[in-house]
Amino acid sequence: MIETDIIIIGAGPVGLFTVFEAGLLKLRCHLIDSLGEPGGQCSEIYPKKPIYDIPGFPEVLAGDLIDNLMKQAEPFKPGFTLGEAAVSIDKVSENEFIVTTAKGTKHSAPIVMIAGGLGVFEPRKPPVENLADYEDKGVEYVIKDPEFYQGKRCVIAGGGDSALDWAIYLTKNNIASEVSLVHRRNSFRGHLDSVQQIMDLADEGKVNLITEAEVVGIGGNGKVENVTIKHKTQGEFVKETDHFIPLFGLKPSLGPIADWGLEIEKNAIKVDTLDYSTNIPGVYAIGDVNTYPNKLKLILCGFHEGTLAVQSAFARIHPDKKNVLKYTTVNGVTGF
């Protein structure tokens, strides 16, 4: 049994910053995440993409933000259970919850904070019959490290911002040796500026733009060597490639969270904005996983929610202690 003061379900940016805020109140935290490393979407989906709305950082890469949050949390020695999804919360007494993971690891604490982002993500996969045979063998649904594609031929499928942005990035930074963008329609769903950049790159012969078409097959001996593309008017043809990257977005789902007895509204957990508590006393929900009137799904809002939640958590854990707000500019940061 892992014992702590606060169990945080979700090791994304909001969960990591909550460790810092809890540490200032001398509360220990243990984080649980189904992913194999801290950072949530920032690490798993877009570590190399810039974020522009973090206070004090005109621009910061998502991966660098996570590195900084880990350094900020480090003095408070958080524990981690990674690569294991939390599947149940059991209230065993007024001041104790047991959180169990899919692998049977049990955690005990008087407070649980759910910082699970948008929940569990699954990629939207194209209807290609043998797609699963080539997953991690040349088929990738997210781009974690663009350098992985150095000197490679890439076929990207999709018409949204992710497909456009990565096609532009891999081309303009001279990473991929060849970039093809395949989309079912002539029009795109992405930002107009990105669409214009793709059109310009196609006109310059730097991106092979194939519209009114879709990938319908994959070939190769143990790894991707080619894809079959079906064009609306030209029929089917085979294109040699090293990677097929379908970027059709991710489907979020609350997963096991939906079965924990929490009040759910529009696939999110309802909270009281006084302290971001749920309908279960001692359980809080912070970040994108929660909902309330005028909710904004921004990282900076999650930071605020986590800060107020730990203040409330302190009062629950130490009802007889008075918590006096101390500014870090005066007292500094003293770890455990």
Protein backbone atom coordinates (compact mmCIF):
# COMPACT_ATOMS: atom_id res chain seq x y z
CA MET A 1 0.00 0.00 0.00
CA ILE A 2 1.37 3.41 -1.02
CA GLU A 3 0.38 6.02 1.56
CA THR A 4 0.40 9.78 1.02
CA ASP A 5 -1.55 12.96 1.77
CA ILE A 6 -2.95 13.55 -1.72
CA ILE A 7 -3.38 11.06 -4.52
CA ILE A 8 -3.30 12.87 -7.86
CA ILE A 9 -4.79 10.93 -10.77
CA GLY A 10 -3.09 12.35 -13.85
CA ALA A 11 0.53 13.47 -14.17
CA GLY A 12 -0.03 16.21 -16.74
CA PRO A 13 0.91 19.86 -16.21
CA VAL A 14 -1.98 20.56 -13.82
CA GLY A 15 -1.21 17.52 -11.69
CA LEU A 16 2.50 18.39 -11.55
CA PHE A 17 1.90 22.01 -10.51
CA THR A 18 -0.50 20.81 -7.82
CA VAL A 19 2.43 18.92 -6.28
CA PHE A 20 4.24 22.24 -5.87
CA GLU A 21 1.24 24.01 -4.33
CA ALA A 22 0.60 21.09 -1.97
CA GLY A 23 4.26 21.01 -1.02
CA LEU A 24 4.13 24.62 0.12
CA LEU A 25 1.52 23.44 2.64
CA LYS A 26 3.70 20.45 3.64
CA LEU A 27 1.35 17.99 1.98
CA ARG A 28 2.88 15.03 0.15
CA CYS A 29 1.57 13.86 -3.21
CA HIS A 30 1.64 10.66 -5.23
CA LEU A 31 0.67 10.75 -8.91
CA ILE A 32 -0.90 7.96 -10.96
CA ASP A 33 -0.92 7.99 -14.76
CA SER A 34 -1.66 5.45 -17.45
CA LEU A 35 1.18 6.87 -19.55
CA GLY A 36 4.74 5.71 -19.02
CA GLU A 37 6.15 9.17 -18.28
CA PRO A 38 4.90 12.37 -16.64
CA GLY A 39 3.51 15.17 -18.81
CA GLY A 40 0.18 13.96 -20.14
CA GLN A 41 -0.70 15.26 -23.60
CA CYS A 42 2.24 17.69 -23.49
CA SER A 43 4.71 14.79 -23.43
CA GLU A 44 2.74 12.14 -25.29
CA ILE A 45 1.15 14.08 -28.15
CA TYR A 46 2.89 17.39 -28.82
CA PRO A 47 6.19 17.76 -26.87
CA LYS A 48 7.76 19.85 -29.65
CA LYS A 49 4.82 22.20 -30.20
CA PRO A 50 4.98 25.73 -28.73
CA ILE A 51 2.51 27.02 -26.13
CA TYR A 52 1.93 30.76 -26.01
CA ASP A 53 -0.40 31.38 -23.05
CA ILE A 54 1.70 30.32 -20.05
CA PRO A 55 2.29 33.44 -17.88
CA GLY A 56 5.87 34.65 -18.06
CA PHE A 57 6.68 32.53 -21.13
CA PRO A 58 5.94 34.27 -24.45
CA GLU A 59 6.64 30.87 -26.01
CA VAL A 60 7.53 27.52 -24.46
CA LEU A 61 7.65 24.06 -26.00
CA ALA A 62 5.19 21.67 -24.34
CA GLY A 63 8.00 19.25 -23.45
CA ASP A 64 10.08 22.04 -21.91
CA LEU A 65 7.10 23.17 -19.84
CA ILE A 66 6.85 19.66 -18.37
CA ASP A 67 10.61 19.62 -17.64
CA ASN A 68 10.24 22.91 -15.75
CA LEU A 69 7.20 21.69 -13.81
CA MET A 70 9.11 18.55 -12.81
CA LYS A 71 11.98 20.70 -11.51
CA GLN A 72 9.50 22.88 -9.64
CA ALA A 73 7.92 19.82 -7.99
CA GLU A 74 11.23 18.07 -7.25
CA PRO A 75 11.85 19.62 -3.77
CA PHE A 76 8.61 18.04 -2.57
CA LYS A 77 9.60 14.50 -3.61
CA PRO A 78 6.41 13.35 -5.34
CA GLY A 79 5.86 9.65 -5.87
CA PHE A 80 4.79 8.23 -9.22
CA THR A 81 2.89 5.16 -10.37
CA LEU A 82 3.29 5.34 -14.14
CA GLY A 83 2.06 3.08 -16.89
CA GLU A 84 -0.91 2.07 -14.74
CA ALA A 85 -4.43 3.47 -15.14
CA ALA A 86 -6.45 4.19 -11.99
CA VAL A 87 -9.55 1.99 -12.21
CA SER A 88 -11.31 2.45 -8.88
CA ILE A 89 -11.72 4.76 -5.88
CA ASP A 90 -13.05 3.23 -2.65
CA LYS A 91 -13.90 5.30 0.41
CA VAL A 92 -12.96 3.07 3.35
CA SER A 93 -13.48 5.69 6.07
CA GLU A 94 -14.26 9.38 6.46
CA ASN A 95 -10.58 10.20 6.02
CA GLU A 96 -9.27 7.46 3.75
CA PHE A 97 -9.65 6.60 0.09
CA ILE A 98 -8.09 3.61 -1.65
CA VAL A 99 -7.22 4.12 -5.32
CA THR A 100 -6.41 0.92 -7.22
CA THR A 101 -4.78 0.67 -10.64
CA ALA A 102 -5.35 -1.79 -13.45
CA LYS A 103 -2.26 -3.68 -12.27
CA GLY A 104 -3.55 -3.92 -8.71
CA THR A 105 -1.31 -1.27 -7.14
CA LYS A 106 -3.13 0.28 -4.17
CA HIS A 107 -2.76 3.83 -2.86
CA SER A 108 -4.16 5.30 0.36
CA ALA A 109 -4.80 8.98 1.17
CA PRO A 110 -7.41 11.25 2.78
CA ILE A 111 -7.63 13.32 -0.43
CA VAL A 112 -7.96 12.40 -4.11
CA MET A 113 -7.48 14.94 -6.87
CA ILE A 114 -8.49 13.94 -10.37
CA ALA A 115 -6.35 15.81 -12.91
CA GLY A 116 -6.94 13.42 -15.77
CA GLY A 117 -7.12 16.01 -18.55
CA LEU A 118 -9.70 14.99 -21.12
CA GLY A 119 -9.52 11.41 -19.92
CA VAL A 120 -8.32 8.43 -21.92
CA PHE A 121 -7.32 9.10 -25.53
CA GLU A 122 -7.64 6.78 -28.48
CA PRO A 123 -6.58 7.76 -31.99
CA ARG A 124 -9.20 7.96 -34.70
CA LYS A 125 -7.99 5.33 -37.14
CA PRO A 126 -8.72 5.19 -40.87
CA PRO A 127 -10.59 2.11 -42.15
CA VAL A 128 -7.53 0.37 -43.59
CA GLU A 129 -7.87 -3.41 -43.28
CA ASN A 130 -4.29 -4.28 -42.31
CA LEU A 131 -3.52 -1.07 -40.40
CA ALA A 132 -2.93 -2.81 -37.05
CA ASP A 133 -0.27 -5.07 -38.61
CA TYR A 134 1.98 -2.04 -39.14
CA GLU A 135 1.42 -0.10 -35.92
CA ASP A 136 4.84 0.90 -34.52
CA LYS A 137 6.33 -0.54 -37.71
CA GLY A 138 5.92 2.61 -39.76
CA VAL A 139 2.39 3.58 -38.76
CA GLU A 140 2.21 6.28 -36.08
CA TYR A 141 -0.87 8.16 -34.86
CA VAL A 142 1.01 10.97 -33.10
CA ILE A 143 4.38 12.61 -33.75
CA LYS A 144 6.36 12.75 -30.52
CA ASP A 145 9.83 13.50 -31.86
CA PRO A 146 10.03 14.94 -35.37
CA GLU A 147 13.72 13.96 -35.61
CA PHE A 148 12.53 10.36 -35.74
CA TYR A 149 11.59 11.09 -39.37
CA GLN A 150 14.97 12.49 -40.38
CA GLY A 151 15.64 11.57 -44.01
CA LYS A 152 12.47 9.46 -44.25
CA ARG A 153 9.62 9.49 -46.76
CA CYS A 154 6.36 10.32 -44.97
CA VAL A 155 2.73 10.11 -46.02
CA ILE A 156 0.52 12.15 -43.71
CA ALA A 157 -3.26 11.78 -43.90
CA GLY A 158 -5.76 14.31 -42.55
CA GLY A 159 -7.18 17.76 -43.13
CA GLY A 160 -7.02 19.40 -39.71
CA ASP A 161 -4.45 21.53 -37.94
CA SER A 162 -2.33 18.60 -36.75
CA ALA A 163 -1.88 17.16 -40.25
CA LEU A 164 -1.18 20.58 -41.75
CA ASP A 165 1.20 21.70 -38.99
CA TRP A 166 3.32 18.55 -39.09
CA ALA A 167 3.47 18.48 -42.89
CA ILE A 168 4.72 22.08 -42.76
CA TYR A 169 7.15 21.40 -39.90
CA LEU A 170 8.76 18.28 -41.41
CA THR A 171 9.16 20.12 -44.73
CA LYS A 172 10.35 23.55 -43.64
CA ASN A 173 12.86 22.14 -41.15
CA ASN A 174 14.31 19.79 -43.79
CA ILE A 175 13.59 16.75 -41.64
CA ALA A 176 11.70 14.33 -43.88
CA SER A 177 13.19 13.63 -47.31
CA GLU A 178 9.69 13.62 -48.80
CA VAL A 179 6.32 14.69 -47.41
CA SER A 180 2.99 13.75 -48.97
CA LEU A 181 -0.28 15.06 -47.54
CA VAL A 182 -3.40 13.06 -48.40
CA HIS A 183 -6.87 14.49 -47.73
CA ARG A 184 -10.34 13.34 -48.75
CA ARG A 185 -11.51 16.80 -49.75
CA ASN A 186 -10.24 19.87 -51.58
CA SER A 187 -10.85 22.10 -48.56
CA PHE A 188 -9.14 21.87 -45.16
CA ARG A 189 -10.37 22.34 -41.59
CA GLY A 190 -7.18 23.97 -40.34
CA HIS A 191 -6.19 27.58 -39.84
CA LEU A 192 -6.18 29.65 -43.03
CA ASP A 193 -2.51 30.53 -42.58
CA SER A 194 -1.56 26.84 -42.38
CA VAL A 195 -3.67 26.03 -45.42
CA GLN A 196 -1.95 28.79 -47.39
CA GLN A 197 1.49 27.55 -46.34
CA ILE A 198 0.65 24.04 -47.55
CA MET A 199 -0.62 25.39 -50.86
CA ASP A 200 2.57 27.43 -51.28
CA LEU A 201 4.79 24.45 -50.44
CA ALA A 202 2.84 22.32 -52.91
CA ASP A 203 3.24 24.95 -55.64
CA GLU A 204 6.99 25.00 -54.93
CA GLY A 205 7.13 21.21 -55.24
CA LYS A 206 8.20 20.75 -51.63
CA VAL A 207 5.02 18.95 -50.49
CA ASN A 208 3.21 16.35 -52.53
CA LEU A 209 -0.42 17.41 -51.96
CA ILE A 210 -2.98 14.75 -52.86
CA THR A 211 -6.57 15.88 -52.31
CA GLU A 212 -9.87 14.09 -53.01
CA ALA A 213 -8.07 10.90 -52.05
CA GLU A 214 -7.52 8.52 -49.14
CA VAL A 215 -5.12 5.77 -48.13
CA VAL A 216 -6.87 2.41 -48.49
CA GLY A 217 -4.01 -0.08 -48.08
CA ILE A 218 -0.52 -0.60 -46.67
CA GLY A 219 2.22 -2.90 -47.98
CA GLY A 220 5.62 -3.99 -46.78
CA ASN A 221 7.62 -6.91 -45.41
CA GLY A 222 7.43 -6.47 -41.63
CA LYS A 223 7.37 -2.67 -41.91
CA VAL A 224 5.71 0.01 -44.00
CA GLU A 225 7.18 0.16 -47.50
CA ASN A 226 4.25 1.58 -49.47
CA VAL A 227 0.64 2.72 -49.26
CA THR A 228 -2.21 2.37 -51.70
CA ILE A 229 -4.02 5.64 -52.37
CA LYS A 230 -7.48 5.79 -53.90
CA HIS A 231 -8.16 9.01 -55.81
CA LYS A 232 -11.69 10.20 -56.55
CA THR A 233 -11.13 10.44 -60.30
CA GLN A 234 -7.75 8.80 -60.97
CA GLY A 235 -8.44 5.50 -59.21
CA GLU A 236 -5.89 3.59 -57.12
CA PHE A 237 -2.12 3.88 -57.19
CA VAL A 238 0.76 2.74 -54.98
CA LYS A 239 3.17 5.20 -53.38
CA GLU A 240 6.51 4.16 -51.85
CA THR A 241 7.02 5.48 -48.33
CA ASP A 242 8.71 4.76 -45.00
CA HIS A 243 5.96 6.04 -42.71
CA PHE A 244 2.20 6.39 -42.83
CA ILE A 245 0.97 8.95 -40.29
CA PRO A 246 -2.84 9.25 -40.09
CA LEU A 247 -3.60 12.38 -38.06
CA PHE A 248 -7.36 12.33 -37.67
CA GLY A 249 -7.36 13.44 -34.06
CA LEU A 250 -7.91 11.64 -30.79
CA LYS A 251 -11.15 10.48 -29.18
CA PRO A 252 -11.30 11.46 -25.49
CA SER A 253 -13.21 9.33 -23.04
CA LEU A 254 -13.55 9.50 -19.26
CA GLY A 255 -12.85 5.77 -19.14
CA PRO A 256 -13.12 4.25 -15.62
CA ILE A 257 -13.71 7.72 -14.10
CA ALA A 258 -17.29 7.57 -15.37
CA ASP A 259 -17.99 4.67 -12.97
CA TRP A 260 -16.72 6.27 -9.75
CA GLY A 261 -20.03 7.77 -8.60
CA LEU A 262 -19.07 11.30 -9.56
CA GLU A 263 -21.59 13.74 -11.00
CA ILE A 264 -20.89 13.85 -14.73
CA GLU A 265 -22.03 16.46 -17.22
CA LYS A 266 -21.07 16.50 -20.90
CA ASN A 267 -18.28 13.95 -20.41
CA ALA A 268 -16.69 15.97 -17.58
CA ILE A 269 -16.86 16.03 -13.76
CA LYS A 270 -19.07 18.71 -12.19
CA VAL A 271 -17.31 20.71 -9.46
CA ASP A 272 -18.00 23.53 -7.02
CA THR A 273 -15.92 26.55 -8.01
CA LEU A 274 -15.43 27.40 -4.33
CA ASP A 275 -12.67 24.79 -4.16
CA TYR A 276 -13.20 22.49 -7.21
CA SER A 277 -14.60 19.74 -5.02
CA THR A 278 -16.86 17.06 -6.48
CA ASN A 279 -20.07 15.58 -5.09
CA ILE A 280 -17.89 13.15 -3.08
CA PRO A 281 -16.31 14.98 -0.09
CA GLY A 282 -12.53 14.66 -0.23
CA VAL A 283 -12.44 14.15 -4.00
CA TYR A 284 -11.55 17.11 -6.22
CA ALA A 285 -11.36 17.49 -10.01
CA ILE A 286 -9.00 20.01 -11.59
CA GLY A 287 -8.00 20.87 -15.13
CA ASP A 288 -9.71 19.79 -18.34
CA VAL A 289 -11.46 16.87 -16.66
CA ASN A 290 -13.88 19.15 -14.76
CA THR A 291 -16.77 21.38 -15.78
CA TYR A 292 -18.53 24.41 -14.30
CA PRO A 293 -20.20 27.56 -15.68
CA ASN A 294 -17.83 29.51 -17.97
CA LYS A 295 -15.17 26.78 -17.79
CA LEU A 296 -12.13 27.40 -20.00
CA LYS A 297 -9.99 24.39 -20.86
CA LEU A 298 -6.62 26.09 -20.52
CA ILE A 299 -3.53 24.92 -18.66
CA LEU A 300 -3.30 28.21 -16.76
CA CYS A 301 -6.88 27.78 -15.49
CA GLY A 302 -5.96 24.30 -14.26
CA PHE A 303 -3.05 25.78 -12.30
CA HIS A 304 -5.50 28.11 -10.53
CA GLU A 305 -7.94 25.28 -9.80
CA GLY A 306 -5.22 23.07 -8.32
CA THR A 307 -4.01 25.92 -6.11
CA LEU A 308 -7.45 26.47 -4.56
CA ALA A 309 -8.11 22.75 -4.27
CA VAL A 310 -5.01 22.12 -2.11
CA GLN A 311 -6.02 24.96 0.21
CA SER A 312 -9.33 23.17 0.76
CA ALA A 313 -7.53 19.83 1.09
CA PHE A 314 -5.31 21.24 3.85
CA ALA A 315 -8.42 22.27 5.81
CA ARG A 316 -9.86 18.75 5.49
CA ILE A 317 -6.63 17.04 6.53
CA HIS A 318 -5.83 19.50 9.35
CA PRO A 319 -9.18 20.89 10.59
CA ASP A 320 -7.58 22.23 13.77
CA LYS A 321 -4.71 24.04 12.04
CA LYS A 322 -4.88 27.58 10.74
CA ASN A 323 -3.38 27.99 7.28
CA VAL A 324 -1.80 31.42 6.86
CA LEU A 325 -0.93 32.29 3.26
CA LYS A 326 2.82 32.75 2.93
CA TYR A 327 4.28 34.29 -0.21
CA THR A 328 7.16 32.41 -1.77
CA THR A 329 8.85 35.74 -2.53
CA VAL A 330 9.17 36.20 1.26
CA ASN A 331 9.65 32.67 2.55
CA GLY A 332 11.24 30.98 -0.44
CA VAL A 333 10.62 27.29 -1.16
CA THR A 334 11.55 24.73 1.49
CA GLY A 335 11.28 21.13 0.34
CA PHE A 336 10.92 17.91 2.28
